[in-house]
Amino acid sequence: MKKLTFLALGLVLLAGSVIAQTKPAKNDPEAKKILDAVSTRFKSFTTVQAIFTYKVENAAGKVLSTKTGTILMKGTRYKLSFGGQEIFCNGTTVWNLDKAANEVTINTLDASGGMITPQKLFSNFYDKDFLYVLNGEKKVGAKLVQEIQLTPLDKSKNFHTVFVFVDKNAKTMYSTKVLENAGNRYSYTVGTLKTNIPAADALFVFDKAKFPGVTVEDLR
């Protein structure tokens, strides 16, 4: 489930920027204002749909893979389509469908708060789990983007830094970059963002009838 963890951490990154990896000693109030504004705006939407690009680079910056995906979120529910996988979550149960293998794995959603879900990325995941600082802002095409560096408080995590890029005018997440301890970099860039589109609750539940012959592995 490592791939899912990084997908939940990020939906975004601006690749190619060289960023100093100095760790903040305490939380930056200016960074908090920006993150709080993003959280407030996200919570005002009934649904959010995003098309994103996912990129993996090694420590030297060489691109190892690039893929695109889509995510639809509604309250605590989400549906993620990415690289031959579809992940359904109705807020309590997670179904991970491997299309190539025609196999679905079922797990109970971790309600303890330890799992970073897509919703947490867009809301207030940063309050308890990270130190954060505003590094500045820059132009990316026509967008004015604010760069925030986050450092996990839990040093046992398999990543050491997360960079979040916020569209200053829209007050929405633009991109995210996760730096893994092993050296790889996982980047996510949002291409299209739609909000308040109709989405029935049934979309977030795996329907076995739509996948004839699917193998089910229930790990609950």
C-alpha atoms as a PDB file:
ATOM      1  CA  MET A   1       0.000   0.000   0.000  1.00  0.00           C
ATOM      2  CA  LYS A   2       3.072   2.255  -0.232  1.00  0.00           C
ATOM      3  CA  LYS A   3       1.877   3.733  -3.524  1.00  0.00           C
ATOM      4  CA  LEU A   4      -1.466   4.625  -1.964  1.00  0.00           C
ATOM      5  CA  THR A   5       0.271   6.318   0.978  1.00  0.00           C
ATOM      6  CA  PHE A   6       2.187   8.667  -1.319  1.00  0.00           C
ATOM      7  CA  LEU A   7      -0.893   9.320  -3.457  1.00  0.00           C
ATOM      8  CA  ALA A   8      -2.748  10.372  -0.354  1.00  0.00           C
ATOM      9  CA  LEU A   9       0.127  12.559   0.736  1.00  0.00           C
ATOM     10  CA  GLY A  10       0.311  14.453  -2.392  1.00  0.00           C
ATOM     11  CA  LEU A  11      -1.729  15.234  -5.423  1.00  0.00           C
ATOM     12  CA  VAL A  12       0.842  17.470  -6.826  1.00  0.00           C
ATOM     13  CA  LEU A  13       4.273  19.012  -7.402  1.00  0.00           C
ATOM     14  CA  LEU A  14       6.106  21.527  -9.457  1.00  0.00           C
ATOM     15  CA  ALA A  15       9.019  19.435 -10.723  1.00  0.00           C
ATOM     16  CA  GLY A  16      12.460  20.825 -11.319  1.00  0.00           C
ATOM     17  CA  SER A  17      12.715  23.400  -8.536  1.00  0.00           C
ATOM     18  CA  VAL A  18      15.819  23.194  -6.345  1.00  0.00           C
ATOM     19  CA  ILE A  19      14.845  23.735  -2.713  1.00  0.00           C
ATOM     20  CA  ALA A  20      17.032  24.036   0.374  1.00  0.00           C
ATOM     21  CA  GLN A  21      16.223  21.315   2.897  1.00  0.00           C
ATOM     22  CA  THR A  22      16.650  23.274   6.105  1.00  0.00           C
ATOM     23  CA  LYS A  23      14.195  22.034   8.717  1.00  0.00           C
ATOM     24  CA  PRO A  24      12.016  24.582  10.518  1.00  0.00           C
ATOM     25  CA  ALA A  25      12.506  24.724  14.284  1.00  0.00           C
ATOM     26  CA  LYS A  26       8.935  25.883  14.951  1.00  0.00           C
ATOM     27  CA  ASN A  27       5.729  26.530  13.063  1.00  0.00           C
ATOM     28  CA  ASP A  28       5.522  29.651  10.923  1.00  0.00           C
ATOM     29  CA  PRO A  29       2.327  31.685  11.572  1.00  0.00           C
ATOM     30  CA  GLU A  30       2.323  32.957   7.968  1.00  0.00           C
ATOM     31  CA  ALA A  31       2.413  29.392   6.655  1.00  0.00           C
ATOM     32  CA  LYS A  32      -0.442  28.474   9.001  1.00  0.00           C
ATOM     33  CA  LYS A  33      -2.587  31.328   7.671  1.00  0.00           C
ATOM     34  CA  ILE A  34      -2.141  30.022   4.130  1.00  0.00           C
ATOM     35  CA  LEU A  35      -2.812  26.379   5.044  1.00  0.00           C
ATOM     36  CA  ASP A  36      -5.840  27.350   7.145  1.00  0.00           C
ATOM     37  CA  ALA A  37      -7.269  29.316   4.193  1.00  0.00           C
ATOM     38  CA  VAL A  38      -6.818  26.283   1.906  1.00  0.00           C
ATOM     39  CA  SER A  39      -8.506  24.057   4.505  1.00  0.00           C
ATOM     40  CA  THR A  40     -11.454  26.439   4.923  1.00  0.00           C
ATOM     41  CA  ARG A  41     -11.978  26.721   1.171  1.00  0.00           C
ATOM     42  CA  PHE A  42     -11.765  22.950   0.666  1.00  0.00           C
ATOM     43  CA  LYS A  43     -14.337  22.304   3.398  1.00  0.00           C
ATOM     44  CA  SER A  44     -16.754  24.713   1.694  1.00  0.00           C
ATOM     45  CA  PHE A  45     -17.084  22.386  -1.317  1.00  0.00           C
ATOM     46  CA  THR A  46     -19.571  19.502  -1.387  1.00  0.00           C
ATOM     47  CA  THR A  47     -17.388  17.592  -3.860  1.00  0.00           C
ATOM     48  CA  VAL A  48     -13.931  18.025  -5.397  1.00  0.00           C
ATOM     49  CA  GLN A  49     -12.666  16.326  -8.554  1.00  0.00           C
ATOM     50  CA  ALA A  50      -9.048  16.632  -9.699  1.00  0.00           C
ATOM     51  CA  ILE A  51      -7.016  15.349 -12.629  1.00  0.00           C
ATOM     52  CA  PHE A  52      -3.374  15.088 -11.602  1.00  0.00           C
ATOM     53  CA  THR A  53       0.041  14.057 -12.868  1.00  0.00           C
ATOM     54  CA  TYR A  54       2.224  11.791 -10.737  1.00  0.00           C
ATOM     55  CA  LYS A  55       5.994  11.768 -11.222  1.00  0.00           C
ATOM     56  CA  VAL A  56       8.734   9.700  -9.601  1.00  0.00           C
ATOM     57  CA  GLU A  57      12.345  10.909  -9.643  1.00  0.00           C
ATOM     58  CA  ASN A  58      15.493   9.449  -8.136  1.00  0.00           C
ATOM     59  CA  ALA A  59      17.858  11.410  -5.871  1.00  0.00           C
ATOM     60  CA  ALA A  60      19.708  12.784  -8.920  1.00  0.00           C
ATOM     61  CA  GLY A  61      16.493  14.193 -10.385  1.00  0.00           C
ATOM     62  CA  LYS A  62      16.145  11.588 -13.150  1.00  0.00           C
ATOM     63  CA  VAL A  63      12.493  10.940 -13.996  1.00  0.00           C
ATOM     64  CA  LEU A  64      11.692   7.265 -13.426  1.00  0.00           C
ATOM     65  CA  SER A  65       7.993   7.368 -14.331  1.00  0.00           C
ATOM     66  CA  THR A  66       5.147   9.754 -15.077  1.00  0.00           C
ATOM     67  CA  LYS A  67       1.458   8.861 -14.890  1.00  0.00           C
ATOM     68  CA  THR A  68      -1.878  10.636 -14.728  1.00  0.00           C
ATOM     69  CA  GLY A  69      -4.847   9.942 -12.473  1.00  0.00           C
ATOM     70  CA  THR A  70      -8.162  11.283 -11.249  1.00  0.00           C
ATOM     71  CA  ILE A  71      -9.645  11.648  -7.791  1.00  0.00           C
ATOM     72  CA  LEU A  72     -13.174  12.443  -6.672  1.00  0.00           C
ATOM     73  CA  MET A  73     -13.850  13.407  -3.038  1.00  0.00           C
ATOM     74  CA  LYS A  74     -17.112  13.886  -1.160  1.00  0.00           C
ATOM     75  CA  GLY A  75     -17.001  14.343   2.600  1.00  0.00           C
ATOM     76  CA  THR A  76     -15.010  11.369   3.950  1.00  0.00           C
ATOM     77  CA  ARG A  77     -15.511   9.423   0.707  1.00  0.00           C
ATOM     78  CA  TYR A  78     -13.150   9.255  -2.248  1.00  0.00           C
ATOM     79  CA  LYS A  79     -12.531   7.392  -5.498  1.00  0.00           C
ATOM     80  CA  LEU A  80      -9.032   7.313  -6.952  1.00  0.00           C
ATOM     81  CA  SER A  81      -8.132   6.042 -10.446  1.00  0.00           C
ATOM     82  CA  PHE A  82      -4.446   5.721 -11.151  1.00  0.00           C
ATOM     83  CA  GLY A  83      -2.043   3.510 -13.122  1.00  0.00           C
ATOM     84  CA  GLY A  84      -4.294   0.474 -13.492  1.00  0.00           C
ATOM     85  CA  GLN A  85      -5.688   0.810  -9.985  1.00  0.00           C
ATOM     86  CA  GLU A  86      -9.037   2.025  -8.732  1.00  0.00           C
ATOM     87  CA  ILE A  87      -9.462   2.767  -5.049  1.00  0.00           C
ATOM     88  CA  PHE A  88     -12.919   3.222  -3.564  1.00  0.00           C
ATOM     89  CA  CYS A  89     -13.568   4.524  -0.040  1.00  0.00           C
ATOM     90  CA  ASN A  90     -17.020   5.091   1.461  1.00  0.00           C
ATOM     91  CA  GLY A  91     -15.613   6.628   4.643  1.00  0.00           C
ATOM     92  CA  THR A  92     -15.273   3.335   6.537  1.00  0.00           C
ATOM     93  CA  THR A  93     -14.083   0.710   4.030  1.00  0.00           C
ATOM     94  CA  VAL A  94     -11.367   0.840   1.348  1.00  0.00           C
ATOM     95  CA  TRP A  95     -11.478  -1.314  -1.800  1.00  0.00           C
ATOM     96  CA  ASN A  96      -8.240  -1.433  -3.831  1.00  0.00           C
ATOM     97  CA  LEU A  97      -8.868  -2.835  -7.331  1.00  0.00           C
ATOM     98  CA  ASP A  98      -5.934  -4.093  -9.406  1.00  0.00           C
ATOM     99  CA  LYS A  99      -7.411  -4.095 -12.919  1.00  0.00           C
ATOM    100  CA  ALA A 100      -4.627  -6.129 -14.525  1.00  0.00           C
ATOM    101  CA  ALA A 101      -4.985  -8.929 -11.974  1.00  0.00           C
ATOM    102  CA  ASN A 102      -8.777  -8.472 -11.708  1.00  0.00           C
ATOM    103  CA  GLU A 103      -8.367  -8.591  -7.936  1.00  0.00           C
ATOM    104  CA  VAL A 104      -9.785  -6.372  -5.214  1.00  0.00           C
ATOM    105  CA  THR A 105      -8.412  -6.066  -1.680  1.00  0.00           C
ATOM    106  CA  ILE A 106     -10.734  -4.859   1.083  1.00  0.00           C
ATOM    107  CA  ASN A 107      -9.516  -3.085   4.219  1.00  0.00           C
ATOM    108  CA  THR A 108     -11.118  -1.106   7.020  1.00  0.00           C
ATOM    109  CA  LEU A 109     -10.213   2.583   6.888  1.00  0.00           C
ATOM    110  CA  ASP A 110      -7.868   3.519   9.729  1.00  0.00           C
ATOM    111  CA  ALA A 111     -10.015   5.867  11.825  1.00  0.00           C
ATOM    112  CA  SER A 112      -7.248   6.520  14.357  1.00  0.00           C
ATOM    113  CA  GLY A 113      -5.955   9.470  12.377  1.00  0.00           C
ATOM    114  CA  GLY A 114      -2.688   7.778  11.474  1.00  0.00           C
ATOM    115  CA  MET A 115      -3.505   7.415   7.779  1.00  0.00           C
ATOM    116  CA  ILE A 116      -3.196  10.515   5.594  1.00  0.00           C
ATOM    117  CA  THR A 117      -6.265  10.386   3.359  1.00  0.00           C
ATOM    118  CA  PRO A 118      -6.749  12.667   0.323  1.00  0.00           C
ATOM    119  CA  GLN A 119      -9.167  14.770   2.382  1.00  0.00           C
ATOM    120  CA  LYS A 120      -6.515  15.347   5.060  1.00  0.00           C
ATOM    121  CA  LEU A 121      -4.103  16.594   2.418  1.00  0.00           C
ATOM    122  CA  PHE A 122      -6.552  19.335   1.484  1.00  0.00           C
ATOM    123  CA  SER A 123      -7.594  20.140   5.047  1.00  0.00           C
ATOM    124  CA  ASN A 124      -5.776  20.420   8.393  1.00  0.00           C
ATOM    125  CA  PHE A 125      -3.442  17.395   8.326  1.00  0.00           C
ATOM    126  CA  TYR A 126      -0.540  19.714   9.148  1.00  0.00           C
ATOM    127  CA  ASP A 127      -1.697  20.838  12.613  1.00  0.00           C
ATOM    128  CA  LYS A 128      -0.500  17.888  14.691  1.00  0.00           C
ATOM    129  CA  ASP A 129       1.865  15.901  12.493  1.00  0.00           C
ATOM    130  CA  PHE A 130       4.235  18.465  10.959  1.00  0.00           C
ATOM    131  CA  LEU A 131       6.392  21.508  11.514  1.00  0.00           C
ATOM    132  CA  TYR A 132       5.859  23.985   8.670  1.00  0.00           C
ATOM    133  CA  VAL A 133       7.397  27.174   7.294  1.00  0.00           C
ATOM    134  CA  LEU A 134       6.666  29.500   4.356  1.00  0.00           C
ATOM    135  CA  ASN A 135       9.653  29.509   1.980  1.00  0.00           C
ATOM    136  CA  GLY A 136       8.315  32.272  -0.276  1.00  0.00           C
ATOM    137  CA  GLU A 137       6.336  32.618  -3.487  1.00  0.00           C
ATOM    138  CA  LYS A 138       7.024  32.474  -7.218  1.00  0.00           C
ATOM    139  CA  LYS A 139       5.304  32.621 -10.598  1.00  0.00           C
ATOM    140  CA  VAL A 140       4.425  29.311 -12.253  1.00  0.00           C
ATOM    141  CA  GLY A 141       2.966  30.181 -15.631  1.00  0.00           C
ATOM    142  CA  ALA A 142       0.118  32.567 -14.888  1.00  0.00           C
ATOM    143  CA  LYS A 143      -0.189  31.422 -11.269  1.00  0.00           C
ATOM    144  CA  LEU A 144       1.371  33.012  -8.200  1.00  0.00           C
ATOM    145  CA  VAL A 145       2.361  30.031  -6.066  1.00  0.00           C
ATOM    146  CA  GLN A 146       3.299  29.986  -2.364  1.00  0.00           C
ATOM    147  CA  GLU A 147       5.769  27.320  -1.256  1.00  0.00           C
ATOM    148  CA  ILE A 148       5.444  25.735   2.195  1.00  0.00           C
ATOM    149  CA  GLN A 149       7.892  23.213   3.618  1.00  0.00           C
ATOM    150  CA  LEU A 150       6.630  20.589   6.072  1.00  0.00           C
ATOM    151  CA  THR A 151       8.742  18.302   8.257  1.00  0.00           C
ATOM    152  CA  PRO A 152       7.104  15.296   9.967  1.00  0.00           C
ATOM    153  CA  LEU A 153       7.360  15.178  13.743  1.00  0.00           C
ATOM    154  CA  ASP A 154       7.418  11.375  13.619  1.00  0.00           C
ATOM    155  CA  LYS A 155      10.956  10.548  12.506  1.00  0.00           C
ATOM    156  CA  SER A 156      10.012   6.923  11.824  1.00  0.00           C
ATOM    157  CA  LYS A 157       8.152   7.988   8.669  1.00  0.00           C
ATOM    158  CA  ASN A 158       9.660   6.807   5.371  1.00  0.00           C
ATOM    159  CA  PHE A 159       9.762  10.406   4.113  1.00  0.00           C
ATOM    160  CA  HIS A 160      11.531  13.416   5.653  1.00  0.00           C
ATOM    161  CA  THR A 161      10.102  16.470   3.859  1.00  0.00           C
ATOM    162  CA  VAL A 162       6.926  17.522   2.074  1.00  0.00           C
ATOM    163  CA  PHE A 163       6.725  20.650  -0.073  1.00  0.00           C
ATOM    164  CA  VAL A 164       3.233  22.050  -0.643  1.00  0.00           C
ATOM    165  CA  PHE A 165       2.587  24.633  -3.353  1.00  0.00           C
ATOM    166  CA  VAL A 166      -0.565  26.743  -2.989  1.00  0.00           C
ATOM    167  CA  ASP A 167      -2.251  28.822  -5.678  1.00  0.00           C
ATOM    168  CA  LYS A 168      -2.268  32.173  -3.856  1.00  0.00           C
ATOM    169  CA  ASN A 169      -5.292  33.656  -5.608  1.00  0.00           C
ATOM    170  CA  ALA A 170      -7.473  30.527  -5.730  1.00  0.00           C
ATOM    171  CA  LYS A 171      -6.432  29.368  -2.224  1.00  0.00           C
ATOM    172  CA  THR A 172      -6.237  25.775  -3.442  1.00  0.00           C
ATOM    173  CA  MET A 173      -3.490  23.153  -3.510  1.00  0.00           C
ATOM    174  CA  TYR A 174      -1.502  23.395  -6.732  1.00  0.00           C
ATOM    175  CA  SER A 175       1.194  20.800  -6.161  1.00  0.00           C
ATOM    176  CA  THR A 176       3.000  18.619  -3.635  1.00  0.00           C
ATOM    177  CA  LYS A 177       6.425  17.001  -3.522  1.00  0.00           C
ATOM    178  CA  VAL A 178       7.349  14.227  -1.086  1.00  0.00           C
ATOM    179  CA  LEU A 179      11.033  13.477  -0.388  1.00  0.00           C
ATOM    180  CA  GLU A 180      11.566   9.871   0.663  1.00  0.00           C
ATOM    181  CA  ASN A 181      14.354   8.845   3.049  1.00  0.00           C
ATOM    182  CA  ALA A 182      15.693   6.430   0.422  1.00  0.00           C
ATOM    183  CA  GLY A 183      16.194   9.344  -1.992  1.00  0.00           C
ATOM    184  CA  ASN A 184      13.251   9.099  -4.371  1.00  0.00           C
ATOM    185  CA  ARG A 185      10.958  12.069  -4.902  1.00  0.00           C
ATOM    186  CA  TYR A 186       7.221  11.678  -5.466  1.00  0.00           C
ATOM    187  CA  SER A 187       5.564  14.617  -7.192  1.00  0.00           C
ATOM    188  CA  TYR A 188       1.925  15.457  -7.906  1.00  0.00           C
ATOM    189  CA  THR A 189       0.576  18.313 -10.012  1.00  0.00           C
ATOM    190  CA  VAL A 190      -3.101  19.192 -10.329  1.00  0.00           C
ATOM    191  CA  GLY A 191      -4.073  19.916 -13.910  1.00  0.00           C
ATOM    192  CA  THR A 192      -7.842  20.375 -13.649  1.00  0.00           C
ATOM    193  CA  LEU A 193      -9.902  21.007 -10.524  1.00  0.00           C
ATOM    194  CA  LYS A 194     -13.705  20.921 -10.466  1.00  0.00           C
ATOM    195  CA  THR A 195     -15.901  21.524  -7.432  1.00  0.00           C
ATOM    196  CA  ASN A 196     -19.504  20.929  -6.354  1.00  0.00           C
ATOM    197  CA  ILE A 197     -20.257  18.446  -9.136  1.00  0.00           C
ATOM    198  CA  PRO A 198     -23.036  15.853  -8.561  1.00  0.00           C
ATOM    199  CA  ALA A 199     -21.690  12.564  -7.158  1.00  0.00           C
ATOM    200  CA  ALA A 200     -23.903   9.771  -5.815  1.00  0.00           C
ATOM    201  CA  ASP A 201     -22.676   7.926  -2.712  1.00  0.00           C
ATOM    202  CA  ALA A 202     -22.703   4.668  -4.718  1.00  0.00           C
ATOM    203  CA  LEU A 203     -19.715   5.902  -6.743  1.00  0.00           C
ATOM    204  CA  PHE A 204     -17.497   5.416  -3.685  1.00  0.00           C
ATOM    205  CA  VAL A 205     -18.417   1.754  -3.122  1.00  0.00           C
ATOM    206  CA  PHE A 206     -16.890  -1.117  -5.089  1.00  0.00           C
ATOM    207  CA  ASP A 207     -19.597  -2.901  -7.103  1.00  0.00           C
ATOM    208  CA  LYS A 208     -18.519  -6.507  -7.659  1.00  0.00           C
ATOM    209  CA  ALA A 209     -21.208  -6.998 -10.298  1.00  0.00           C
ATOM    210  CA  LYS A 210     -19.386  -4.591 -12.623  1.00  0.00           C
ATOM    211  CA  PHE A 211     -16.220  -6.739 -12.590  1.00  0.00           C
ATOM    212  CA  PRO A 212     -17.098 -10.315 -13.614  1.00  0.00           C
ATOM    213  CA  GLY A 213     -14.701 -12.936 -12.267  1.00  0.00           C
ATOM    214  CA  VAL A 214     -12.955 -10.528  -9.884  1.00  0.00           C
ATOM    215  CA  THR A 215     -11.021 -12.155  -7.027  1.00  0.00           C
ATOM    216  CA  VAL A 216     -11.851 -10.698  -3.606  1.00  0.00           C
ATOM    217  CA  GLU A 217      -9.343 -10.640  -0.741  1.00  0.00           C
ATOM    218  CA  ASP A 218     -11.066  -9.386   2.394  1.00  0.00           C
ATOM    219  CA  LEU A 219      -8.497  -8.280   5.003  1.00  0.00           C
ATOM    220  CA  ARG A 220     -10.949  -6.710   7.443  1.00  0.00           C
END
